[in-house]
Structure formats: C-alpha cells, structure tokens
Amino acid sequence: MGTCKQPDCDLIVFDGECVLCSHFFQFMLRHDRAQRFSFATAQSALGQQLYRERGLPTDDFETNLVIVDGQTYQRLDAFAAAMRALPGLWWILGLCRFLPVWLKDPMYHAVARNRYRLFGRTETCLVPDADLRARFLDWKPAP
C-alpha cells in the first residue's frame, strides 16, 4: 500500500513523550514492512486535532489512536487493530479485542495511568530523521 499523505489512511497516533508508546511505534515500524501505516504524535497539530474531534484530552494521552480502514480504535482495541493489520502471526495478539470490556478497559487504564512511572518519559517529542519523516502525516509539534 505504501505511505499515504491523506488523513483518512491507516494511521497510528501515539504519545511521543511516552517511552512505552515510542516502543510501540518502533515495533510497528519494524513489522509494518508494507508501510501500511502512517504516524503522528499526539503532540503534533494533527494529533491534537484528532484527539479533540474524539472528545479526548489534548494534554494527557492515555490512549493511542489507531485508524484502520476509516475506523478509529482506542485503548486495547487500538493495539488489537494494529496487530491484526500486520503480516504473519501478529494477528494472534489482536485476539485481545475479544476480552470482555469489564476486564480489558481497567487493565488498559492501569497501565496507561502508570506508564511514565513504569516505563519512563522523554523530555522531548520524537523528531524523525528525513527517511522516517515520510511516514509521518504531521511531524511538527503543535504551536
């Protein structure tokens, strides 16, 4: 499919300051060989717009957004959607979407609330190099 430059393509929006979220982004880069996904940080102008449109806070990014085939996913469902989109056996991890909401949402929120304490936080958002920048729809931080 290749990298798209339209906001309706398959997209992952992640917290660029969160070490766990950045590792998820790097994992996706390694395994998304077809370059199906484009990326944006939650701190970018596009990330801020997408969070606002979904009624999500624009200063505390407890969830990544994963947009696949025009459908937006949050929390553990976002992870599941991303895993299902990868080639190979990664789809198996996408089965977590079938966990009951009463289990998966509290589990996800417990990790999300403690992610900086557990995994750390960078002082600056990711600034992609020229090669990687092509995979970002909007790589500049919001003003």
N, C-alpha and C. Protein backbone atom coordinates (compact mmCIF):
# COMPACT_ATOMS: atom_id res chain seq x y z
N MET A 1 0.82 -1.20 0.00
CA MET A 1 0.00 0.00 0.00
C MET A 1 0.85 1.25 0.00
N GLY A 2 1.92 1.28 0.79
CA GLY A 2 2.80 2.44 0.82
C GLY A 2 2.28 3.52 1.75
N THR A 3 3.11 4.52 1.96
CA THR A 3 2.76 5.60 2.87
C THR A 3 1.80 6.56 2.18
N CYS A 4 0.71 6.87 2.84
CA CYS A 4 -0.25 7.82 2.29
C CYS A 4 -0.03 9.18 2.93
N LYS A 5 -0.55 10.17 2.33
CA LYS A 5 -0.46 11.52 2.87
C LYS A 5 -1.84 12.11 3.12
N GLN A 6 -2.86 11.28 3.20
CA GLN A 6 -4.21 11.74 3.46
C GLN A 6 -4.59 11.39 4.89
N PRO A 7 -5.35 12.24 5.57
CA PRO A 7 -5.71 11.95 6.95
C PRO A 7 -6.67 10.79 7.12
N ASP A 8 -7.22 10.21 6.04
CA ASP A 8 -8.14 9.09 6.17
C ASP A 8 -7.45 7.74 5.94
N CYS A 9 -6.14 7.73 5.88
CA CYS A 9 -5.42 6.47 5.69
C CYS A 9 -5.21 5.76 7.02
N ASP A 10 -4.61 4.59 6.96
CA ASP A 10 -4.31 3.86 8.20
C ASP A 10 -3.23 4.64 8.95
N LEU A 11 -3.53 4.94 10.20
CA LEU A 11 -2.72 5.89 10.95
C LEU A 11 -2.60 5.46 12.41
N ILE A 12 -1.42 5.67 12.98
CA ILE A 12 -1.21 5.46 14.41
C ILE A 12 -0.80 6.80 15.01
N VAL A 13 -1.55 7.24 16.00
CA VAL A 13 -1.25 8.47 16.74
C VAL A 13 -0.81 8.05 18.13
N PHE A 14 0.41 8.42 18.52
CA PHE A 14 0.96 7.96 19.79
C PHE A 14 1.59 9.11 20.55
N ASP A 15 1.70 8.95 21.86
CA ASP A 15 2.32 9.93 22.74
C ASP A 15 3.83 9.89 22.50
N GLY A 16 4.36 10.93 21.90
CA GLY A 16 5.78 10.98 21.56
C GLY A 16 6.70 11.14 22.75
N GLU A 17 6.16 11.43 23.94
CA GLU A 17 6.97 11.57 25.14
C GLU A 17 6.99 10.30 25.99
N CYS A 18 6.09 9.39 25.71
CA CYS A 18 5.94 8.15 26.49
C CYS A 18 6.88 7.09 25.92
N VAL A 19 7.73 6.54 26.78
CA VAL A 19 8.69 5.53 26.33
C VAL A 19 7.96 4.28 25.84
N LEU A 20 6.92 3.84 26.56
CA LEU A 20 6.16 2.66 26.14
C LEU A 20 5.53 2.90 24.77
N CYS A 21 4.91 4.06 24.58
CA CYS A 21 4.26 4.40 23.31
C CYS A 21 5.28 4.48 22.18
N SER A 22 6.45 5.04 22.47
CA SER A 22 7.51 5.13 21.46
C SER A 22 8.03 3.76 21.09
N HIS A 23 8.07 2.83 22.05
CA HIS A 23 8.48 1.46 21.73
C HIS A 23 7.43 0.78 20.85
N PHE A 24 6.16 1.05 21.11
CA PHE A 24 5.09 0.52 20.26
C PHE A 24 5.27 1.05 18.84
N PHE A 25 5.54 2.34 18.70
CA PHE A 25 5.79 2.95 17.40
C PHE A 25 6.97 2.27 16.71
N GLN A 26 8.06 2.07 17.41
CA GLN A 26 9.24 1.43 16.82
C GLN A 26 8.96 -0.02 16.43
N PHE A 27 8.19 -0.72 17.25
CA PHE A 27 7.76 -2.08 16.92
C PHE A 27 6.99 -2.08 15.61
N MET A 28 6.05 -1.14 15.48
CA MET A 28 5.25 -1.07 14.26
C MET A 28 6.12 -0.76 13.05
N LEU A 29 7.09 0.12 13.21
CA LEU A 29 7.99 0.42 12.10
C LEU A 29 8.72 -0.84 11.63
N ARG A 30 9.20 -1.63 12.57
CA ARG A 30 9.94 -2.85 12.21
C ARG A 30 9.06 -3.89 11.52
N HIS A 31 7.82 -4.01 11.94
CA HIS A 31 6.98 -5.11 11.46
C HIS A 31 5.99 -4.71 10.37
N ASP A 32 5.79 -3.44 10.14
CA ASP A 32 4.89 -2.97 9.09
C ASP A 32 5.71 -2.80 7.80
N ARG A 33 6.16 -3.92 7.27
CA ARG A 33 7.06 -3.90 6.10
C ARG A 33 6.40 -3.32 4.85
N ALA A 34 5.09 -3.47 4.75
CA ALA A 34 4.36 -2.92 3.60
C ALA A 34 4.13 -1.42 3.76
N GLN A 35 4.54 -0.86 4.89
CA GLN A 35 4.34 0.56 5.20
C GLN A 35 2.88 0.97 5.06
N ARG A 36 2.02 0.13 5.60
CA ARG A 36 0.58 0.40 5.58
C ARG A 36 0.24 1.62 6.42
N PHE A 37 0.92 1.77 7.57
CA PHE A 37 0.60 2.84 8.50
C PHE A 37 1.44 4.08 8.29
N SER A 38 0.78 5.22 8.48
CA SER A 38 1.46 6.49 8.66
C SER A 38 1.37 6.78 10.15
N PHE A 39 2.09 7.80 10.61
CA PHE A 39 2.18 8.08 12.03
C PHE A 39 2.02 9.56 12.30
N ALA A 40 1.62 9.86 13.52
CA ALA A 40 1.60 11.23 14.03
C ALA A 40 1.76 11.13 15.54
N THR A 41 2.44 12.09 16.13
CA THR A 41 2.50 12.12 17.59
C THR A 41 1.25 12.83 18.10
N ALA A 42 0.84 12.48 19.29
CA ALA A 42 -0.33 13.13 19.90
C ALA A 42 -0.05 14.61 20.11
N GLN A 43 1.22 14.98 20.24
CA GLN A 43 1.59 16.37 20.48
C GLN A 43 1.58 17.21 19.20
N SER A 44 1.51 16.59 18.04
CA SER A 44 1.51 17.33 16.77
C SER A 44 0.16 18.01 16.56
N ALA A 45 0.11 18.93 15.63
CA ALA A 45 -1.14 19.62 15.32
C ALA A 45 -2.21 18.61 14.88
N LEU A 46 -1.84 17.64 14.05
CA LEU A 46 -2.79 16.63 13.61
C LEU A 46 -3.25 15.76 14.79
N GLY A 47 -2.31 15.34 15.62
CA GLY A 47 -2.66 14.54 16.79
C GLY A 47 -3.63 15.28 17.69
N GLN A 48 -3.34 16.55 17.95
CA GLN A 48 -4.22 17.36 18.79
C GLN A 48 -5.63 17.45 18.19
N GLN A 49 -5.70 17.66 16.88
CA GLN A 49 -6.99 17.74 16.20
C GLN A 49 -7.76 16.44 16.33
N LEU A 50 -7.10 15.31 16.11
CA LEU A 50 -7.78 14.01 16.19
C LEU A 50 -8.26 13.71 17.61
N TYR A 51 -7.48 14.08 18.62
CA TYR A 51 -7.91 13.87 20.00
C TYR A 51 -9.11 14.77 20.32
N ARG A 52 -9.06 16.04 19.90
CA ARG A 52 -10.18 16.95 20.15
C ARG A 52 -11.46 16.44 19.49
N GLU A 53 -11.36 15.99 18.22
CA GLU A 53 -12.53 15.51 17.48
C GLU A 53 -13.19 14.31 18.17
N ARG A 54 -12.42 13.58 18.95
CA ARG A 54 -12.96 12.39 19.63
C ARG A 54 -13.27 12.66 21.09
N GLY A 55 -13.20 13.95 21.48
CA GLY A 55 -13.52 14.32 22.85
C GLY A 55 -12.50 13.85 23.87
N LEU A 56 -11.27 13.64 23.43
CA LEU A 56 -10.20 13.17 24.32
C LEU A 56 -9.35 14.34 24.79
N PRO A 57 -8.75 14.23 25.97
CA PRO A 57 -7.88 15.31 26.45
C PRO A 57 -6.70 15.52 25.50
N THR A 58 -6.29 16.77 25.36
CA THR A 58 -5.15 17.09 24.48
C THR A 58 -3.89 17.40 25.27
N ASP A 59 -3.88 17.01 26.55
CA ASP A 59 -2.69 17.23 27.36
C ASP A 59 -2.28 15.98 28.13
N ASP A 60 -3.11 14.96 28.10
CA ASP A 60 -2.81 13.70 28.78
C ASP A 60 -3.28 12.58 27.86
N PHE A 61 -2.33 11.91 27.25
CA PHE A 61 -2.63 10.96 26.18
C PHE A 61 -2.64 9.54 26.71
N GLU A 62 -3.72 9.17 27.41
CA GLU A 62 -3.82 7.84 28.00
C GLU A 62 -4.10 6.76 26.97
N THR A 63 -4.37 7.14 25.73
CA THR A 63 -4.60 6.13 24.70
C THR A 63 -3.94 6.54 23.40
N ASN A 64 -3.43 5.55 22.70
CA ASN A 64 -3.02 5.76 21.32
C ASN A 64 -4.29 5.68 20.48
N LEU A 65 -4.25 6.29 19.33
CA LEU A 65 -5.34 6.13 18.38
C LEU A 65 -4.79 5.31 17.21
N VAL A 66 -5.55 4.33 16.79
CA VAL A 66 -5.19 3.55 15.60
C VAL A 66 -6.39 3.62 14.67
N ILE A 67 -6.14 4.12 13.48
CA ILE A 67 -7.20 4.25 12.48
C ILE A 67 -6.89 3.24 11.38
N VAL A 68 -7.81 2.32 11.17
CA VAL A 68 -7.67 1.28 10.15
C VAL A 68 -8.95 1.26 9.33
N ASP A 69 -8.79 1.39 8.02
CA ASP A 69 -9.93 1.36 7.10
C ASP A 69 -11.03 2.34 7.52
N GLY A 70 -10.62 3.52 7.99
CA GLY A 70 -11.56 4.57 8.36
C GLY A 70 -12.17 4.44 9.75
N GLN A 71 -11.89 3.37 10.46
CA GLN A 71 -12.42 3.14 11.82
C GLN A 71 -11.35 3.50 12.84
N THR A 72 -11.72 4.29 13.85
CA THR A 72 -10.79 4.68 14.90
C THR A 72 -10.95 3.77 16.10
N TYR A 73 -9.80 3.31 16.59
CA TYR A 73 -9.77 2.43 17.77
C TYR A 73 -8.97 3.12 18.87
N GLN A 74 -9.36 2.83 20.12
CA GLN A 74 -8.68 3.37 21.29
C GLN A 74 -8.36 2.23 22.25
N ARG A 75 -7.46 2.53 23.18
CA ARG A 75 -7.10 1.61 24.26
C ARG A 75 -6.64 0.26 23.71
N LEU A 76 -7.03 -0.83 24.33
CA LEU A 76 -6.56 -2.15 23.93
C LEU A 76 -7.08 -2.52 22.54
N ASP A 77 -8.22 -1.98 22.15
CA ASP A 77 -8.74 -2.23 20.80
C ASP A 77 -7.83 -1.61 19.74
N ALA A 78 -7.16 -0.50 20.08
CA ALA A 78 -6.21 0.11 19.14
C ALA A 78 -5.02 -0.83 18.93
N PHE A 79 -4.50 -1.37 20.01
CA PHE A 79 -3.40 -2.33 19.91
C PHE A 79 -3.83 -3.53 19.07
N ALA A 80 -5.03 -4.06 19.35
CA ALA A 80 -5.54 -5.22 18.62
C ALA A 80 -5.67 -4.93 17.13
N ALA A 81 -6.19 -3.75 16.79
CA ALA A 81 -6.35 -3.38 15.37
C ALA A 81 -5.00 -3.29 14.67
N ALA A 82 -4.02 -2.73 15.36
CA ALA A 82 -2.68 -2.63 14.77
C ALA A 82 -2.08 -4.02 14.55
N MET A 83 -2.24 -4.90 15.53
CA MET A 83 -1.69 -6.25 15.41
C MET A 83 -2.36 -7.03 14.27
N ARG A 84 -3.67 -6.87 14.12
CA ARG A 84 -4.39 -7.56 13.04
C ARG A 84 -3.94 -7.07 11.67
N ALA A 85 -3.45 -5.84 11.59
CA ALA A 85 -3.04 -5.28 10.31
C ALA A 85 -1.63 -5.71 9.88
N LEU A 86 -0.88 -6.29 10.81
CA LEU A 86 0.49 -6.71 10.48
C LEU A 86 0.49 -8.08 9.81
N PRO A 87 1.49 -8.33 8.98
CA PRO A 87 1.60 -9.65 8.36
C PRO A 87 2.09 -10.69 9.36
N GLY A 88 1.91 -11.94 9.01
CA GLY A 88 2.42 -13.02 9.84
C GLY A 88 1.50 -13.33 11.01
N LEU A 89 2.09 -13.87 12.05
CA LEU A 89 1.32 -14.35 13.20
C LEU A 89 0.96 -13.27 14.21
N TRP A 90 1.28 -12.02 13.94
CA TRP A 90 0.96 -10.94 14.88
C TRP A 90 -0.53 -10.82 15.10
N TRP A 91 -1.33 -11.26 14.15
CA TRP A 91 -2.79 -11.17 14.28
C TRP A 91 -3.28 -11.86 15.55
N ILE A 92 -2.52 -12.85 16.02
CA ILE A 92 -2.92 -13.57 17.23
C ILE A 92 -3.05 -12.61 18.41
N LEU A 93 -2.15 -11.63 18.50
CA LEU A 93 -2.26 -10.64 19.58
C LEU A 93 -3.51 -9.79 19.44
N GLY A 94 -4.04 -9.71 18.24
CA GLY A 94 -5.28 -8.97 18.01
C GLY A 94 -6.49 -9.62 18.64
N LEU A 95 -6.34 -10.86 19.06
CA LEU A 95 -7.45 -11.56 19.72
C LEU A 95 -7.81 -10.93 21.07
N CYS A 96 -6.92 -10.08 21.59
CA CYS A 96 -7.23 -9.42 22.87
C CYS A 96 -8.47 -8.53 22.76
N ARG A 97 -8.88 -8.23 21.55
CA ARG A 97 -10.10 -7.42 21.38
C ARG A 97 -11.34 -8.15 21.88
N PHE A 98 -11.25 -9.48 22.00
CA PHE A 98 -12.39 -10.27 22.45
C PHE A 98 -12.48 -10.39 23.97
N LEU A 99 -11.51 -9.82 24.68
CA LEU A 99 -11.61 -9.80 26.14
C LEU A 99 -12.84 -8.97 26.53
N PRO A 100 -13.51 -9.33 27.59
CA PRO A 100 -14.68 -8.52 28.00
C PRO A 100 -14.24 -7.11 28.42
N VAL A 101 -15.08 -6.14 28.13
CA VAL A 101 -14.78 -4.74 28.44
C VAL A 101 -14.48 -4.55 29.92
N TRP A 102 -15.21 -5.25 30.79
CA TRP A 102 -15.01 -5.11 32.22
C TRP A 102 -13.60 -5.52 32.64
N LEU A 103 -12.92 -6.30 31.81
CA LEU A 103 -11.56 -6.72 32.10
C LEU A 103 -10.53 -5.88 31.36
N LYS A 104 -10.74 -5.70 30.05
CA LYS A 104 -9.70 -5.05 29.25
C LYS A 104 -9.57 -3.55 29.51
N ASP A 105 -10.68 -2.84 29.74
CA ASP A 105 -10.56 -1.40 29.98
C ASP A 105 -9.85 -1.07 31.29
N PRO A 106 -10.24 -1.69 32.42
CA PRO A 106 -9.49 -1.41 33.66
C PRO A 106 -8.01 -1.83 33.57
N MET A 107 -7.75 -2.95 32.90
CA MET A 107 -6.38 -3.40 32.73
C MET A 107 -5.57 -2.37 31.92
N TYR A 108 -6.16 -1.90 30.82
CA TYR A 108 -5.50 -0.91 29.98
C TYR A 108 -5.28 0.38 30.76
N HIS A 109 -6.31 0.86 31.46
CA HIS A 109 -6.20 2.12 32.20
C HIS A 109 -5.14 2.04 33.31
N ALA A 110 -5.01 0.88 33.95
CA ALA A 110 -3.99 0.73 34.99
C ALA A 110 -2.59 0.92 34.42
N VAL A 111 -2.33 0.36 33.26
CA VAL A 111 -1.01 0.54 32.62
C VAL A 111 -0.88 1.98 32.14
N ALA A 112 -1.91 2.51 31.50
CA ALA A 112 -1.85 3.87 30.94
C ALA A 112 -1.60 4.92 32.03
N ARG A 113 -2.28 4.79 33.16
CA ARG A 113 -2.11 5.77 34.24
C ARG A 113 -0.71 5.73 34.83
N ASN A 114 -0.07 4.60 34.77
CA ASN A 114 1.25 4.43 35.39
C ASN A 114 2.38 4.30 34.38
N ARG A 115 2.11 4.58 33.12
CA ARG A 115 3.11 4.33 32.07
C ARG A 115 4.39 5.14 32.25
N TYR A 116 4.29 6.39 32.67
CA TYR A 116 5.51 7.20 32.85
C TYR A 116 6.33 6.68 34.02
N ARG A 117 5.64 6.28 35.09
CA ARG A 117 6.35 5.76 36.26
C ARG A 117 6.99 4.41 35.94
N LEU A 118 6.27 3.56 35.20
CA LEU A 118 6.76 2.22 34.89
C LEU A 118 7.82 2.20 33.79
N PHE A 119 7.62 3.00 32.75
CA PHE A 119 8.47 2.91 31.57
C PHE A 119 9.30 4.16 31.30
N GLY A 120 8.96 5.26 31.95
CA GLY A 120 9.73 6.49 31.76
C GLY A 120 9.08 7.45 30.79
N ARG A 121 9.72 8.59 30.68
CA ARG A 121 9.21 9.67 29.84
C ARG A 121 10.41 10.40 29.26
N THR A 122 10.34 10.74 28.00
CA THR A 122 11.41 11.54 27.40
C THR A 122 11.09 13.01 27.60
N GLU A 123 12.10 13.81 27.61
CA GLU A 123 11.91 15.25 27.81
C GLU A 123 11.41 15.95 26.54
N THR A 124 11.61 15.32 25.40
CA THR A 124 11.20 15.92 24.15
C THR A 124 10.44 14.91 23.31
N CYS A 125 9.61 15.40 22.43
CA CYS A 125 8.91 14.53 21.50
C CYS A 125 9.90 14.00 20.47
N LEU A 126 9.56 12.88 19.90
CA LEU A 126 10.34 12.29 18.83
C LEU A 126 10.42 13.26 17.66
N VAL A 127 11.63 13.46 17.12
CA VAL A 127 11.80 14.23 15.90
C VAL A 127 12.39 13.27 14.88
N PRO A 128 11.60 12.84 13.90
CA PRO A 128 12.06 11.82 12.97
C PRO A 128 13.13 12.34 12.02
N ASP A 129 14.02 11.43 11.59
CA ASP A 129 15.01 11.81 10.59
C ASP A 129 14.31 11.90 9.23
N ALA A 130 15.06 12.29 8.22
CA ALA A 130 14.46 12.54 6.90
C ALA A 130 13.77 11.30 6.33
N ASP A 131 14.35 10.12 6.50
CA ASP A 131 13.74 8.89 5.98
C ASP A 131 12.43 8.58 6.68
N LEU A 132 12.43 8.71 7.98
CA LEU A 132 11.25 8.39 8.77
C LEU A 132 10.17 9.45 8.63
N ARG A 133 10.56 10.67 8.39
CA ARG A 133 9.60 11.78 8.27
C ARG A 133 8.55 11.50 7.19
N ALA A 134 8.93 10.75 6.16
CA ALA A 134 8.00 10.44 5.08
C ALA A 134 6.82 9.61 5.57
N ARG A 135 6.97 8.92 6.69
CA ARG A 135 5.89 8.10 7.23
C ARG A 135 4.98 8.89 8.16
N PHE A 136 5.34 10.14 8.47
CA PHE A 136 4.54 10.98 9.37
C PHE A 136 3.66 11.90 8.55
N LEU A 137 2.38 11.96 8.94
CA LEU A 137 1.47 12.88 8.26
C LEU A 137 1.71 14.31 8.72
N ASP A 138 2.08 14.48 9.97
CA ASP A 138 2.28 15.83 10.51
C ASP A 138 3.30 15.69 11.62
N TRP A 139 4.55 15.90 11.33
CA TRP A 139 5.60 15.61 12.31
C TRP A 139 5.99 16.80 13.17
N LYS A 140 5.46 17.98 12.86
CA LYS A 140 5.82 19.14 13.67
C LYS A 140 4.93 19.23 14.90
N PRO A 141 5.51 19.55 16.08
CA PRO A 141 4.69 19.72 17.28
C PRO A 141 3.70 20.87 17.10
N ALA A 142 2.59 20.78 17.80
CA ALA A 142 1.60 21.85 17.76
C ALA A 142 2.20 23.13 18.32
N PRO A 143 1.79 24.30 17.78
CA PRO A 143 2.34 25.57 18.30
C PRO A 143 1.91 25.85 19.72
